[in-house]
Each structure stands twice: as structure tokens, then as C-alpha cells.
Amino acid sequence: MSNWVTLSRQQHASMRYSPRQNYRFTADQAVAPILAGELRQALTQFVMGFIKREERYHLVALLGRAAHSHHYIHPEDGRWLGTYVPAHFRGYPFAVARRQDSDEMVLQVHADHLLQQGGEPLFDEQGELTESVRQQLDFVGECAKNRRLTNTACQTLAEQGILKPWQTTEDGPGIKGLYKVEEEALNRLTAQQLHQLQGVPLAVAYGQMFSMAQHDQLAQRAALHAKIGMTESVDELFADDNDDLQFDFG
């Protein structure tokens, strides 16, 4: 059974939903999808790479240094430990999906957030989406459009042969199946090939390469999470004089 429920006026007119309170639902995710439209914010916060699924490549941010590790959320209360949250997570508990055997896009809500009572209404008395749900629909809808643009750009990079397997090392990520831009391959492209990458594909390529500068930040976050597990007071830990990393708990 799917964890996502397609919303319907007929079936869910009286149903309600519980808004997202934190980011604990991402705790076992070591990567997060990244959109081309958020590259500017993401490349200062995350190491980025590509993963390959069903012969297609997708841009992702590394949230941990190993599978199922996530160093960007507070391990106790699920607060996000950073200044930027990927759009993919901010849309939760809503998403859009393509209806089977159709190009029609439908709004979905995660089953864990669908309520009989309490929470917030999904529909108003006229049977229309409430303003807050409508805003969520607009947001996840724009994300879906940008995701298609981003995925097309990733595929273009792959077709030009500049995405190479990311070999795991002691200092690198321990997440299998990652790819990255091979700078030497990019530099070998002809002027005509580079012209074909102009726009989003080239922005994604350089964004991924520039994001490699965040390796130290990811390592520091991993060390910080390890320290949290060994201290009785998390507030005491974050009062440390070491301010190499700045966290936003807002």
C-alpha cells in the first residue's frame, strides 16, 4: 500500500491534515533531491552529486557520509541544523504525482498526516482547497516543473560523458552509486559540445563541482552528531567555543 493518498473532493471533503512540525521524517535519508532552481543556496550548504535510477541521473545533496546517515537534523527533536532546507522536504506532507495512464497531475498527502479530526482542513465549505493547501499545491507544483528541467539537464550531462562514478575513499562519502562531474572530461569538450550544455546543464555541472568545497562541513557535521550522542546536554554542546559551523535553529 502506498504511503501517499491522492486527494479527492468526494472522498476527503471532511478530512483534515497535520502540518509538518519538524524534519524527523528525513532521518534515514542520506541524500536529498536538489533542483536547479535552488543551486545557489544548496552549493554553500551541501556536497552534491548524482545518483542513477532506472537509467536516469538525478542531482542530490549528501546529508550524511554513509547510507542512512543524516547530519543535518537534530537527532532528538528533528530540527533542521542549517540555514537552507531542500525544497523537496519543505513541501512535505504534500506532493504532486502524475495520474496513471494520464498526463494529469494530482495533489497527494502523506497517509501519516491524513486525519479524521484535529489538524487543519483540506477543503473549505465550498469544496475548494483551503488557502494554505492551495499554497502548498503551488509550491510542490513548481518544484515538479523544476525537477523535470533538472533531470533533463542531468541526462544531457550524462549523454556528453562527463558524469563518472564517484569512487568511495576514506575521506569521501560512503554512499554507493554516486556520480560526479569529471572536470577533465568537461574540459575536453569541444566548443560545439559546450554550446549544447549552455544554460541549466552547465549550471548544474559547475554547481556540483563547486559544492565539493563543502566536504569539510559534512565531516564536521558528522563529528558533531557523534558528540551529541555522548553528551547529556545538547545545549551544552552547542555552547562550544568552536564556531566553524553556524547553525540556524529557527
C-alpha atoms as a PDB file:
ATOM      1  CA  MET A   1       0.000   0.000   0.000  1.00  0.00           C
ATOM      2  CA  SER A   2       1.313   3.432  -0.987  1.00  0.00           C
ATOM      3  CA  ASN A   3       2.115   5.952   1.746  1.00  0.00           C
ATOM      4  CA  TRP A   4       0.694   8.714  -0.451  1.00  0.00           C
ATOM      5  CA  VAL A   5      -3.020   9.396  -0.851  1.00  0.00           C
ATOM      6  CA  THR A   6      -4.413  11.249  -3.872  1.00  0.00           C
ATOM      7  CA  LEU A   7      -6.782  13.956  -2.652  1.00  0.00           C
ATOM      8  CA  SER A   8     -10.372  13.942  -3.864  1.00  0.00           C
ATOM      9  CA  ARG A   9     -13.233  16.336  -3.086  1.00  0.00           C
ATOM     10  CA  GLN A  10     -15.624  13.406  -2.936  1.00  0.00           C
ATOM     11  CA  GLN A  11     -13.560  11.235  -0.599  1.00  0.00           C
ATOM     12  CA  HIS A  12     -11.772  13.817   1.543  1.00  0.00           C
ATOM     13  CA  ALA A  13     -14.142  16.788   1.802  1.00  0.00           C
ATOM     14  CA  SER A  14     -14.358  16.454   5.583  1.00  0.00           C
ATOM     15  CA  MET A  15     -10.824  15.166   6.153  1.00  0.00           C
ATOM     16  CA  ARG A  16      -8.045  17.165   7.736  1.00  0.00           C
ATOM     17  CA  TYR A  17      -4.261  17.050   7.836  1.00  0.00           C
ATOM     18  CA  SER A  18      -1.468  17.608  10.306  1.00  0.00           C
ATOM     19  CA  PRO A  19       1.139  20.120   9.090  1.00  0.00           C
ATOM     20  CA  ARG A  20       4.825  19.240   9.197  1.00  0.00           C
ATOM     21  CA  GLN A  21       6.275  20.022  12.625  1.00  0.00           C
ATOM     22  CA  ASN A  22       9.908  19.049  12.055  1.00  0.00           C
ATOM     23  CA  TYR A  23      12.141  17.094   9.703  1.00  0.00           C
ATOM     24  CA  ARG A  24      12.330  13.814  11.592  1.00  0.00           C
ATOM     25  CA  PHE A  25      10.712  12.098   8.594  1.00  0.00           C
ATOM     26  CA  THR A  26      14.016  12.554   6.733  1.00  0.00           C
ATOM     27  CA  ALA A  27      16.135  10.870   9.417  1.00  0.00           C
ATOM     28  CA  ASP A  28      17.044   7.749   7.404  1.00  0.00           C
ATOM     29  CA  GLN A  29      17.716   9.584   4.151  1.00  0.00           C
ATOM     30  CA  ALA A  30      21.380  10.061   3.282  1.00  0.00           C
ATOM     31  CA  VAL A  31      20.640  12.127   0.156  1.00  0.00           C
ATOM     32  CA  ALA A  32      18.044  14.731  -0.814  1.00  0.00           C
ATOM     33  CA  PRO A  33      16.889  15.640  -4.332  1.00  0.00           C
ATOM     34  CA  ILE A  34      18.105  19.091  -5.381  1.00  0.00           C
ATOM     35  CA  LEU A  35      16.552  21.326  -8.030  1.00  0.00           C
ATOM     36  CA  ALA A  36      18.390  23.543 -10.483  1.00  0.00           C
ATOM     37  CA  GLY A  37      16.358  26.445  -9.127  1.00  0.00           C
ATOM     38  CA  GLU A  38      17.955  26.091  -5.685  1.00  0.00           C
ATOM     39  CA  LEU A  39      21.565  25.558  -6.753  1.00  0.00           C
ATOM     40  CA  ARG A  40      22.720  28.929  -5.447  1.00  0.00           C
ATOM     41  CA  GLN A  41      21.553  28.140  -1.915  1.00  0.00           C
ATOM     42  CA  ALA A  42      22.446  24.453  -1.973  1.00  0.00           C
ATOM     43  CA  LEU A  43      26.059  24.676  -3.095  1.00  0.00           C
ATOM     44  CA  THR A  44      27.010  26.633   0.047  1.00  0.00           C
ATOM     45  CA  GLN A  45      25.360  24.087   2.344  1.00  0.00           C
ATOM     46  CA  PHE A  46      25.804  20.636   0.827  1.00  0.00           C
ATOM     47  CA  VAL A  47      28.154  18.393  -1.055  1.00  0.00           C
ATOM     48  CA  MET A  48      26.212  17.455  -4.186  1.00  0.00           C
ATOM     49  CA  GLY A  49      26.418  14.527  -6.553  1.00  0.00           C
ATOM     50  CA  PHE A  50      24.283  12.443  -8.882  1.00  0.00           C
ATOM     51  CA  ILE A  51      22.521   9.134  -8.440  1.00  0.00           C
ATOM     52  CA  LYS A  52      21.324   6.862 -11.226  1.00  0.00           C
ATOM     53  CA  ARG A  53      17.877   5.330 -11.088  1.00  0.00           C
ATOM     54  CA  GLU A  54      16.239   3.464 -13.949  1.00  0.00           C
ATOM     55  CA  GLU A  55      18.920   4.671 -16.370  1.00  0.00           C
ATOM     56  CA  ARG A  56      18.334   8.323 -15.497  1.00  0.00           C
ATOM     57  CA  TYR A  57      20.501  10.637 -13.420  1.00  0.00           C
ATOM     58  CA  HIS A  58      19.293  12.844 -10.583  1.00  0.00           C
ATOM     59  CA  LEU A  59      21.023  15.677  -8.721  1.00  0.00           C
ATOM     60  CA  VAL A  60      21.184  15.120  -4.957  1.00  0.00           C
ATOM     61  CA  ALA A  61      22.664  16.663  -1.827  1.00  0.00           C
ATOM     62  CA  LEU A  62      24.628  14.436   0.535  1.00  0.00           C
ATOM     63  CA  LEU A  63      23.128  14.614   4.026  1.00  0.00           C
ATOM     64  CA  GLY A  64      25.489  12.070   5.580  1.00  0.00           C
ATOM     65  CA  ARG A  65      28.729  10.241   4.962  1.00  0.00           C
ATOM     66  CA  ALA A  66      27.181   6.766   4.894  1.00  0.00           C
ATOM     67  CA  ALA A  67      23.925   5.085   3.927  1.00  0.00           C
ATOM     68  CA  HIS A  68      21.020   6.001   6.238  1.00  0.00           C
ATOM     69  CA  SER A  69      23.078   8.708   7.973  1.00  0.00           C
ATOM     70  CA  HIS A  70      21.734  12.263   8.167  1.00  0.00           C
ATOM     71  CA  HIS A  71      23.765  15.023   9.794  1.00  0.00           C
ATOM     72  CA  TYR A  72      21.512  17.990   9.013  1.00  0.00           C
ATOM     73  CA  ILE A  73      18.768  17.346  11.564  1.00  0.00           C
ATOM     74  CA  HIS A  74      18.806  17.383  15.334  1.00  0.00           C
ATOM     75  CA  PRO A  75      18.781  13.723  16.446  1.00  0.00           C
ATOM     76  CA  GLU A  76      16.429  14.429  19.349  1.00  0.00           C
ATOM     77  CA  ASP A  77      13.705  16.754  18.070  1.00  0.00           C
ATOM     78  CA  GLY A  78      14.139  16.752  14.292  1.00  0.00           C
ATOM     79  CA  ARG A  79      15.014  20.427  13.913  1.00  0.00           C
ATOM     80  CA  TRP A  80      16.944  21.282  10.764  1.00  0.00           C
ATOM     81  CA  LEU A  81      20.553  22.155  11.581  1.00  0.00           C
ATOM     82  CA  GLY A  82      21.329  24.547   8.788  1.00  0.00           C
ATOM     83  CA  THR A  83      20.324  27.717   7.021  1.00  0.00           C
ATOM     84  CA  TYR A  84      18.715  26.092   3.976  1.00  0.00           C
ATOM     85  CA  VAL A  85      16.278  23.188   3.689  1.00  0.00           C
ATOM     86  CA  PRO A  86      15.937  21.467   0.281  1.00  0.00           C
ATOM     87  CA  ALA A  87      12.643  22.251  -1.434  1.00  0.00           C
ATOM     88  CA  HIS A  88      11.881  18.525  -1.655  1.00  0.00           C
ATOM     89  CA  PHE A  89      11.491  18.413   2.132  1.00  0.00           C
ATOM     90  CA  ARG A  90       9.726  21.744   2.547  1.00  0.00           C
ATOM     91  CA  GLY A  91       6.749  20.569   0.507  1.00  0.00           C
ATOM     92  CA  TYR A  92       6.046  17.656   2.872  1.00  0.00           C
ATOM     93  CA  PRO A  93       3.437  16.321   3.697  1.00  0.00           C
ATOM     94  CA  PHE A  94       2.216  17.234   0.194  1.00  0.00           C
ATOM     95  CA  ALA A  95       3.443  16.147  -3.224  1.00  0.00           C
ATOM     96  CA  VAL A  96       2.219  16.066  -6.783  1.00  0.00           C
ATOM     97  CA  ALA A  97       2.219  12.950  -8.936  1.00  0.00           C
ATOM     98  CA  ARG A  98       1.185  12.033 -12.454  1.00  0.00           C
ATOM     99  CA  ARG A  99      -2.055  10.082 -12.627  1.00  0.00           C
ATOM    100  CA  GLN A 100      -1.644   6.602 -14.081  1.00  0.00           C
ATOM    101  CA  ASP A 101      -2.295   6.428 -17.837  1.00  0.00           C
ATOM    102  CA  SER A 102      -2.630  10.216 -17.995  1.00  0.00           C
ATOM    103  CA  ASP A 103      -0.581  13.412 -18.099  1.00  0.00           C
ATOM    104  CA  GLU A 104      -2.798  14.913 -15.396  1.00  0.00           C
ATOM    105  CA  MET A 105      -1.002  15.937 -12.216  1.00  0.00           C
ATOM    106  CA  VAL A 106      -2.749  15.262  -8.898  1.00  0.00           C
ATOM    107  CA  LEU A 107      -2.148  16.504  -5.359  1.00  0.00           C
ATOM    108  CA  GLN A 108      -1.222  13.912  -2.764  1.00  0.00           C
ATOM    109  CA  VAL A 109      -0.815  13.960   1.005  1.00  0.00           C
ATOM    110  CA  HIS A 110       1.230  11.521   3.057  1.00  0.00           C
ATOM    111  CA  ALA A 111      -1.033   8.991   4.761  1.00  0.00           C
ATOM    112  CA  ASP A 112       0.575   9.604   8.154  1.00  0.00           C
ATOM    113  CA  HIS A 113      -0.717  13.203   8.054  1.00  0.00           C
ATOM    114  CA  LEU A 114      -4.301  12.493   6.970  1.00  0.00           C
ATOM    115  CA  LEU A 115      -6.725  12.967   9.878  1.00  0.00           C
ATOM    116  CA  GLN A 116     -10.381  12.481  10.693  1.00  0.00           C
ATOM    117  CA  GLN A 117     -10.294  15.297  13.231  1.00  0.00           C
ATOM    118  CA  GLY A 118      -7.854  17.865  14.589  1.00  0.00           C
ATOM    119  CA  GLY A 119      -5.172  19.462  12.482  1.00  0.00           C
ATOM    120  CA  GLU A 120      -6.069  21.713   9.554  1.00  0.00           C
ATOM    121  CA  PRO A 121      -8.881  21.351   6.984  1.00  0.00           C
ATOM    122  CA  LEU A 122      -8.061  20.257   3.448  1.00  0.00           C
ATOM    123  CA  PHE A 123     -11.181  21.743   1.834  1.00  0.00           C
ATOM    124  CA  ASP A 124     -13.356  24.731   2.671  1.00  0.00           C
ATOM    125  CA  GLU A 125     -17.167  24.782   2.902  1.00  0.00           C
ATOM    126  CA  GLN A 126     -17.428  25.275  -0.866  1.00  0.00           C
ATOM    127  CA  GLY A 127     -15.418  22.140  -1.520  1.00  0.00           C
ATOM    128  CA  GLU A 128     -12.325  24.050  -2.675  1.00  0.00           C
ATOM    129  CA  LEU A 129      -8.824  23.603  -1.342  1.00  0.00           C
ATOM    130  CA  THR A 130      -8.133  25.859   1.622  1.00  0.00           C
ATOM    131  CA  GLU A 131      -5.724  28.737   1.099  1.00  0.00           C
ATOM    132  CA  SER A 132      -2.896  27.007   2.979  1.00  0.00           C
ATOM    133  CA  VAL A 133      -3.300  23.807   0.959  1.00  0.00           C
ATOM    134  CA  ARG A 134      -3.536  25.828  -2.256  1.00  0.00           C
ATOM    135  CA  GLN A 135      -0.211  27.483  -1.409  1.00  0.00           C
ATOM    136  CA  GLN A 136       1.319  24.062  -0.812  1.00  0.00           C
ATOM    137  CA  LEU A 137      -0.054  22.868  -4.148  1.00  0.00           C
ATOM    138  CA  ASP A 138       1.505  25.848  -5.933  1.00  0.00           C
ATOM    139  CA  PHE A 139       4.845  25.175  -4.244  1.00  0.00           C
ATOM    140  CA  VAL A 140       5.066  21.431  -4.939  1.00  0.00           C
ATOM    141  CA  GLY A 141       3.743  22.039  -8.452  1.00  0.00           C
ATOM    142  CA  GLU A 142       6.561  24.484  -9.196  1.00  0.00           C
ATOM    143  CA  CYS A 143       9.022  22.028  -7.681  1.00  0.00           C
ATOM    144  CA  ALA A 144       7.758  19.295 -10.009  1.00  0.00           C
ATOM    145  CA  LYS A 145       8.263  21.542 -13.050  1.00  0.00           C
ATOM    146  CA  ASN A 146      11.777  22.440 -11.963  1.00  0.00           C
ATOM    147  CA  ARG A 147      12.545  18.787 -11.211  1.00  0.00           C
ATOM    148  CA  ARG A 148      11.766  17.848 -14.813  1.00  0.00           C
ATOM    149  CA  LEU A 149      14.070  20.646 -16.002  1.00  0.00           C
ATOM    150  CA  THR A 150      16.800  19.493 -13.610  1.00  0.00           C
ATOM    151  CA  ASN A 151      16.517  15.832 -14.595  1.00  0.00           C
ATOM    152  CA  THR A 152      16.730  16.755 -18.278  1.00  0.00           C
ATOM    153  CA  ALA A 153      19.898  18.744 -17.555  1.00  0.00           C
ATOM    154  CA  CYS A 154      21.430  15.781 -15.688  1.00  0.00           C
ATOM    155  CA  GLN A 155      20.642  13.480 -18.585  1.00  0.00           C
ATOM    156  CA  THR A 156      22.271  15.920 -21.007  1.00  0.00           C
ATOM    157  CA  LEU A 157      25.452  15.863 -18.908  1.00  0.00           C
ATOM    158  CA  ALA A 158      25.424  12.075 -18.887  1.00  0.00           C
ATOM    159  CA  GLU A 159      24.999  11.928 -22.663  1.00  0.00           C
ATOM    160  CA  GLN A 160      28.091  14.108 -23.061  1.00  0.00           C
ATOM    161  CA  GLY A 161      30.051  11.583 -20.998  1.00  0.00           C
ATOM    162  CA  ILE A 162      31.135  13.875 -18.166  1.00  0.00           C
ATOM    163  CA  LEU A 163      29.401  12.054 -15.278  1.00  0.00           C
ATOM    164  CA  LYS A 164      31.668   9.429 -13.772  1.00  0.00           C
ATOM    165  CA  PRO A 165      31.255   7.006 -10.829  1.00  0.00           C
ATOM    166  CA  TRP A 166      32.335   8.573  -7.564  1.00  0.00           C
ATOM    167  CA  GLN A 167      34.871   6.198  -6.076  1.00  0.00           C
ATOM    168  CA  THR A 168      34.459   5.886  -2.316  1.00  0.00           C
ATOM    169  CA  THR A 169      37.569   6.744  -0.307  1.00  0.00           C
ATOM    170  CA  GLU A 170      38.335   7.065   3.372  1.00  0.00           C
ATOM    171  CA  ASP A 171      37.840  10.819   3.129  1.00  0.00           C
ATOM    172  CA  GLY A 172      34.867  10.690   0.782  1.00  0.00           C
ATOM    173  CA  PRO A 173      31.252   9.638   1.113  1.00  0.00           C
ATOM    174  CA  GLY A 174      30.429   6.041   1.943  1.00  0.00           C
ATOM    175  CA  ILE A 175      27.246   6.131  -0.130  1.00  0.00           C
ATOM    176  CA  LYS A 176      27.231   3.687  -3.035  1.00  0.00           C
ATOM    177  CA  GLY A 177      26.043   4.540  -6.525  1.00  0.00           C
ATOM    178  CA  LEU A 178      27.111   8.167  -6.583  1.00  0.00           C
ATOM    179  CA  TYR A 179      28.368  10.014  -9.656  1.00  0.00           C
ATOM    180  CA  LYS A 180      30.128  13.339 -10.063  1.00  0.00           C
ATOM    181  CA  VAL A 181      31.288  15.624 -12.845  1.00  0.00           C
ATOM    182  CA  GLU A 182      34.724  14.690 -14.135  1.00  0.00           C
ATOM    183  CA  GLU A 183      36.437  18.036 -14.640  1.00  0.00           C
ATOM    184  CA  GLU A 184      38.926  16.626 -17.153  1.00  0.00           C
ATOM    185  CA  ALA A 185      36.089  15.280 -19.306  1.00  0.00           C
ATOM    186  CA  LEU A 186      34.314  18.632 -19.136  1.00  0.00           C
ATOM    187  CA  ASN A 187      37.479  20.437 -20.221  1.00  0.00           C
ATOM    188  CA  ARG A 188      37.882  18.092 -23.195  1.00  0.00           C
ATOM    189  CA  LEU A 189      34.514  19.015 -24.698  1.00  0.00           C
ATOM    190  CA  THR A 190      34.541  20.860 -27.993  1.00  0.00           C
ATOM    191  CA  ALA A 191      33.064  24.329 -28.398  1.00  0.00           C
ATOM    192  CA  GLN A 192      30.028  22.770 -30.077  1.00  0.00           C
ATOM    193  CA  GLN A 193      29.522  20.317 -27.218  1.00  0.00           C
ATOM    194  CA  LEU A 194      29.846  23.092 -24.635  1.00  0.00           C
ATOM    195  CA  HIS A 195      27.274  25.105 -26.555  1.00  0.00           C
ATOM    196  CA  GLN A 196      24.838  22.218 -26.146  1.00  0.00           C
ATOM    197  CA  LEU A 197      25.332  22.445 -22.383  1.00  0.00           C
ATOM    198  CA  GLN A 198      24.665  26.173 -22.153  1.00  0.00           C
ATOM    199  CA  GLY A 199      22.061  27.135 -19.553  1.00  0.00           C
ATOM    200  CA  VAL A 200      20.821  24.694 -16.923  1.00  0.00           C
ATOM    201  CA  PRO A 201      23.103  21.712 -17.751  1.00  0.00           C
ATOM    202  CA  LEU A 202      26.293  23.761 -17.393  1.00  0.00           C
ATOM    203  CA  ALA A 203      24.974  25.445 -14.226  1.00  0.00           C
ATOM    204  CA  VAL A 204      24.274  22.015 -12.712  1.00  0.00           C
ATOM    205  CA  ALA A 205      27.743  20.769 -13.702  1.00  0.00           C
ATOM    206  CA  TYR A 206      29.610  23.692 -12.161  1.00  0.00           C
ATOM    207  CA  GLY A 207      27.290  23.749  -9.150  1.00  0.00           C
ATOM    208  CA  GLN A 208      28.140  20.132  -8.385  1.00  0.00           C
ATOM    209  CA  MET A 209      31.871  20.773  -8.746  1.00  0.00           C
ATOM    210  CA  PHE A 210      31.801  23.919  -6.590  1.00  0.00           C
ATOM    211  CA  SER A 211      29.837  22.078  -3.899  1.00  0.00           C
ATOM    212  CA  MET A 212      32.798  19.770  -3.296  1.00  0.00           C
ATOM    213  CA  ALA A 213      34.197  22.561  -1.129  1.00  0.00           C
ATOM    214  CA  GLN A 214      31.603  21.568   1.499  1.00  0.00           C
ATOM    215  CA  HIS A 215      33.319  18.241   2.301  1.00  0.00           C
ATOM    216  CA  ASP A 216      34.842  19.715   5.445  1.00  0.00           C
ATOM    217  CA  GLN A 217      31.420  20.955   6.567  1.00  0.00           C
ATOM    218  CA  LEU A 218      29.918  17.500   6.089  1.00  0.00           C
ATOM    219  CA  ALA A 219      32.753  15.916   8.081  1.00  0.00           C
ATOM    220  CA  GLN A 220      32.288  18.453  10.885  1.00  0.00           C
ATOM    221  CA  ARG A 221      28.558  17.756  10.980  1.00  0.00           C
ATOM    222  CA  ALA A 222      29.259  14.025  11.268  1.00  0.00           C
ATOM    223  CA  ALA A 223      31.623  14.679  14.181  1.00  0.00           C
ATOM    224  CA  LEU A 224      29.049  16.947  15.793  1.00  0.00           C
ATOM    225  CA  HIS A 225      26.367  14.272  15.638  1.00  0.00           C
ATOM    226  CA  ALA A 226      28.760  11.809  17.247  1.00  0.00           C
ATOM    227  CA  LYS A 227      29.364  14.269  20.083  1.00  0.00           C
ATOM    228  CA  ILE A 228      25.623  14.768  20.596  1.00  0.00           C
ATOM    229  CA  GLY A 229      25.316  11.059  21.325  1.00  0.00           C
ATOM    230  CA  MET A 230      27.915  11.331  24.079  1.00  0.00           C
ATOM    231  CA  THR A 231      26.648  14.364  25.977  1.00  0.00           C
ATOM    232  CA  GLU A 232      23.718  14.723  28.350  1.00  0.00           C
ATOM    233  CA  SER A 233      23.003  18.295  27.319  1.00  0.00           C
ATOM    234  CA  VAL A 234      22.697  19.208  23.653  1.00  0.00           C
ATOM    235  CA  ASP A 235      22.542  22.904  24.593  1.00  0.00           C
ATOM    236  CA  GLU A 236      25.877  22.479  26.367  1.00  0.00           C
ATOM    237  CA  LEU A 237      27.365  21.014  23.208  1.00  0.00           C
ATOM    238  CA  PHE A 238      26.231  23.889  21.018  1.00  0.00           C
ATOM    239  CA  ALA A 239      27.645  26.377  23.507  1.00  0.00           C
ATOM    240  CA  ASP A 240      31.133  25.228  22.500  1.00  0.00           C
ATOM    241  CA  ASP A 241      33.569  27.972  21.542  1.00  0.00           C
ATOM    242  CA  ASN A 242      34.143  26.358  18.142  1.00  0.00           C
ATOM    243  CA  ASP A 243      32.123  28.438  15.702  1.00  0.00           C
ATOM    244  CA  ASP A 244      33.423  26.968  12.459  1.00  0.00           C
ATOM    245  CA  LEU A 245      29.853  25.928  11.671  1.00  0.00           C
ATOM    246  CA  GLN A 246      26.890  28.215  12.161  1.00  0.00           C
ATOM    247  CA  PHE A 247      23.530  26.542  12.721  1.00  0.00           C
ATOM    248  CA  ASP A 248      20.117  28.126  12.417  1.00  0.00           C
ATOM    249  CA  PHE A 249      17.618  26.579  14.822  1.00  0.00           C
ATOM    250  CA  GLY A 250      14.758  28.801  13.735  1.00  0.00           C
END
